[in-house]
Amino acid sequence: MAKNKKHLTKSKDQVFLGVFGGIADYFGLDETLVRVIGILIFVFTGFFPLGVFYLLAALVMPEYNGNKTNNDDNIVDGEFREK
């Protein structure tokens, strides 16, 4: 079996643009914790470092698509594929 590659995408549960949620999903962390840490860094360092990174990441990161690949279009969620 081929390993599923992790892809960094915006979060499916977006609060603003989905960047912090997407980072939390990618690394397997709690989304609220990552968002709070991001807001604290934003407040204590000012807009420039984190604000610019956040906006660039929001432009570059693809939207969440449900982790479906081209081969999974005909599979109903919750069912197994017959071999």
C-alpha atoms as a PDB file:
ATOM      1  CA  MET A   1       0.000   0.000   0.000  1.00  0.00           C
ATOM      2  CA  ALA A   2       1.184   3.469  -0.769  1.00  0.00           C
ATOM      3  CA  LYS A   3       1.559   5.899   2.090  1.00  0.00           C
ATOM      4  CA  ASN A   4      -0.811   8.836   2.101  1.00  0.00           C
ATOM      5  CA  LYS A   5       1.159  12.040   1.861  1.00  0.00           C
ATOM      6  CA  LYS A   6       0.198  14.834   4.211  1.00  0.00           C
ATOM      7  CA  HIS A   7      -0.664  18.066   2.463  1.00  0.00           C
ATOM      8  CA  LEU A   8      -0.647  21.441   4.147  1.00  0.00           C
ATOM      9  CA  THR A   9      -4.037  22.961   3.381  1.00  0.00           C
ATOM     10  CA  LYS A  10      -6.261  25.541   4.962  1.00  0.00           C
ATOM     11  CA  SER A  11      -8.465  24.264   7.747  1.00  0.00           C
ATOM     12  CA  LYS A  12     -11.959  22.963   7.061  1.00  0.00           C
ATOM     13  CA  ASP A  13     -13.000  24.822  10.253  1.00  0.00           C
ATOM     14  CA  GLN A  14     -11.828  28.284   9.271  1.00  0.00           C
ATOM     15  CA  VAL A  15     -12.009  31.127  11.752  1.00  0.00           C
ATOM     16  CA  PHE A  16     -10.373  33.835   9.634  1.00  0.00           C
ATOM     17  CA  LEU A  17      -8.500  32.459   6.623  1.00  0.00           C
ATOM     18  CA  GLY A  18      -7.775  28.943   7.895  1.00  0.00           C
ATOM     19  CA  VAL A  19      -3.980  29.186   8.125  1.00  0.00           C
ATOM     20  CA  PHE A  20      -3.531  28.433  11.839  1.00  0.00           C
ATOM     21  CA  GLY A  21      -6.116  25.651  11.697  1.00  0.00           C
ATOM     22  CA  GLY A  22      -4.375  24.140   8.675  1.00  0.00           C
ATOM     23  CA  ILE A  23      -1.013  24.221  10.434  1.00  0.00           C
ATOM     24  CA  ALA A  24      -2.586  22.560  13.479  1.00  0.00           C
ATOM     25  CA  ASP A  25      -4.138  19.831  11.281  1.00  0.00           C
ATOM     26  CA  TYR A  26      -0.834  19.205   9.514  1.00  0.00           C
ATOM     27  CA  PHE A  27       1.167  18.775  12.725  1.00  0.00           C
ATOM     28  CA  GLY A  28      -1.625  17.035  14.664  1.00  0.00           C
ATOM     29  CA  LEU A  29      -1.983  19.787  17.269  1.00  0.00           C
ATOM     30  CA  ASP A  30      -5.032  21.351  18.891  1.00  0.00           C
ATOM     31  CA  GLU A  31      -6.383  24.096  16.615  1.00  0.00           C
ATOM     32  CA  THR A  32      -7.334  26.379  19.506  1.00  0.00           C
ATOM     33  CA  LEU A  33      -3.850  26.156  21.000  1.00  0.00           C
ATOM     34  CA  VAL A  34      -2.181  27.035  17.695  1.00  0.00           C
ATOM     35  CA  ARG A  35      -4.580  29.945  17.177  1.00  0.00           C
ATOM     36  CA  VAL A  36      -3.966  31.324  20.686  1.00  0.00           C
ATOM     37  CA  ILE A  37      -0.185  31.035  20.283  1.00  0.00           C
ATOM     38  CA  GLY A  38      -0.440  32.744  16.884  1.00  0.00           C
ATOM     39  CA  ILE A  39      -2.502  35.599  18.304  1.00  0.00           C
ATOM     40  CA  LEU A  40      -0.067  36.045  21.199  1.00  0.00           C
ATOM     41  CA  ILE A  41       2.898  36.174  18.806  1.00  0.00           C
ATOM     42  CA  PHE A  42       0.972  38.636  16.649  1.00  0.00           C
ATOM     43  CA  VAL A  43       0.198  40.892  19.637  1.00  0.00           C
ATOM     44  CA  PHE A  44       3.708  40.857  21.119  1.00  0.00           C
ATOM     45  CA  THR A  45       5.698  41.227  17.884  1.00  0.00           C
ATOM     46  CA  GLY A  46       3.446  43.524  15.921  1.00  0.00           C
ATOM     47  CA  PHE A  47       2.021  43.056  12.458  1.00  0.00           C
ATOM     48  CA  PHE A  48       5.185  42.704  10.412  1.00  0.00           C
ATOM     49  CA  PRO A  49       6.636  39.249  11.111  1.00  0.00           C
ATOM     50  CA  LEU A  50       3.544  37.131  11.685  1.00  0.00           C
ATOM     51  CA  GLY A  51       1.026  39.261   9.810  1.00  0.00           C
ATOM     52  CA  VAL A  52       3.009  39.138   6.590  1.00  0.00           C
ATOM     53  CA  PHE A  53       3.639  35.395   6.988  1.00  0.00           C
ATOM     54  CA  TYR A  54      -0.058  34.784   7.672  1.00  0.00           C
ATOM     55  CA  LEU A  55      -1.215  36.730   4.618  1.00  0.00           C
ATOM     56  CA  LEU A  56       1.355  35.058   2.349  1.00  0.00           C
ATOM     57  CA  ALA A  57       0.398  31.633   3.673  1.00  0.00           C
ATOM     58  CA  ALA A  58      -3.293  32.413   3.093  1.00  0.00           C
ATOM     59  CA  LEU A  59      -2.518  33.245  -0.535  1.00  0.00           C
ATOM     60  CA  VAL A  60      -0.320  30.178  -1.132  1.00  0.00           C
ATOM     61  CA  MET A  61      -2.064  27.404   0.840  1.00  0.00           C
ATOM     62  CA  PRO A  62      -4.715  25.476  -1.105  1.00  0.00           C
ATOM     63  CA  GLU A  63      -8.263  25.138   0.209  1.00  0.00           C
ATOM     64  CA  TYR A  64      -9.273  22.007   2.113  1.00  0.00           C
ATOM     65  CA  ASN A  65     -10.878  19.534  -0.307  1.00  0.00           C
ATOM     66  CA  GLY A  66     -11.839  16.687   2.009  1.00  0.00           C
ATOM     67  CA  ASN A  67      -8.612  14.738   1.306  1.00  0.00           C
ATOM     68  CA  LYS A  68     -10.135  13.099  -1.759  1.00  0.00           C
ATOM     69  CA  THR A  69      -7.910  12.018  -4.579  1.00  0.00           C
ATOM     70  CA  ASN A  70      -8.937  11.433  -8.185  1.00  0.00           C
ATOM     71  CA  ASN A  71      -9.443   7.710  -7.507  1.00  0.00           C
ATOM     72  CA  ASP A  72     -11.848   8.319  -4.629  1.00  0.00           C
ATOM     73  CA  ASP A  73     -14.578  10.157  -6.537  1.00  0.00           C
ATOM     74  CA  ASN A  74     -16.809   7.093  -6.779  1.00  0.00           C
ATOM     75  CA  ILE A  75     -16.416   5.981  -3.138  1.00  0.00           C
ATOM     76  CA  VAL A  76     -19.119   6.854  -0.635  1.00  0.00           C
ATOM     77  CA  ASP A  77     -17.727   8.044   2.687  1.00  0.00           C
ATOM     78  CA  GLY A  78     -17.747   5.295   5.309  1.00  0.00           C
ATOM     79  CA  GLU A  79     -17.579   2.369   2.883  1.00  0.00           C
ATOM     80  CA  PHE A  80     -14.566   0.260   1.980  1.00  0.00           C
ATOM     81  CA  ARG A  81     -13.380  -0.292  -1.538  1.00  0.00           C
ATOM     82  CA  GLU A  82     -13.591  -3.879  -2.767  1.00  0.00           C
ATOM     83  CA  LYS A  83     -10.394  -5.292  -4.241  1.00  0.00           C
END
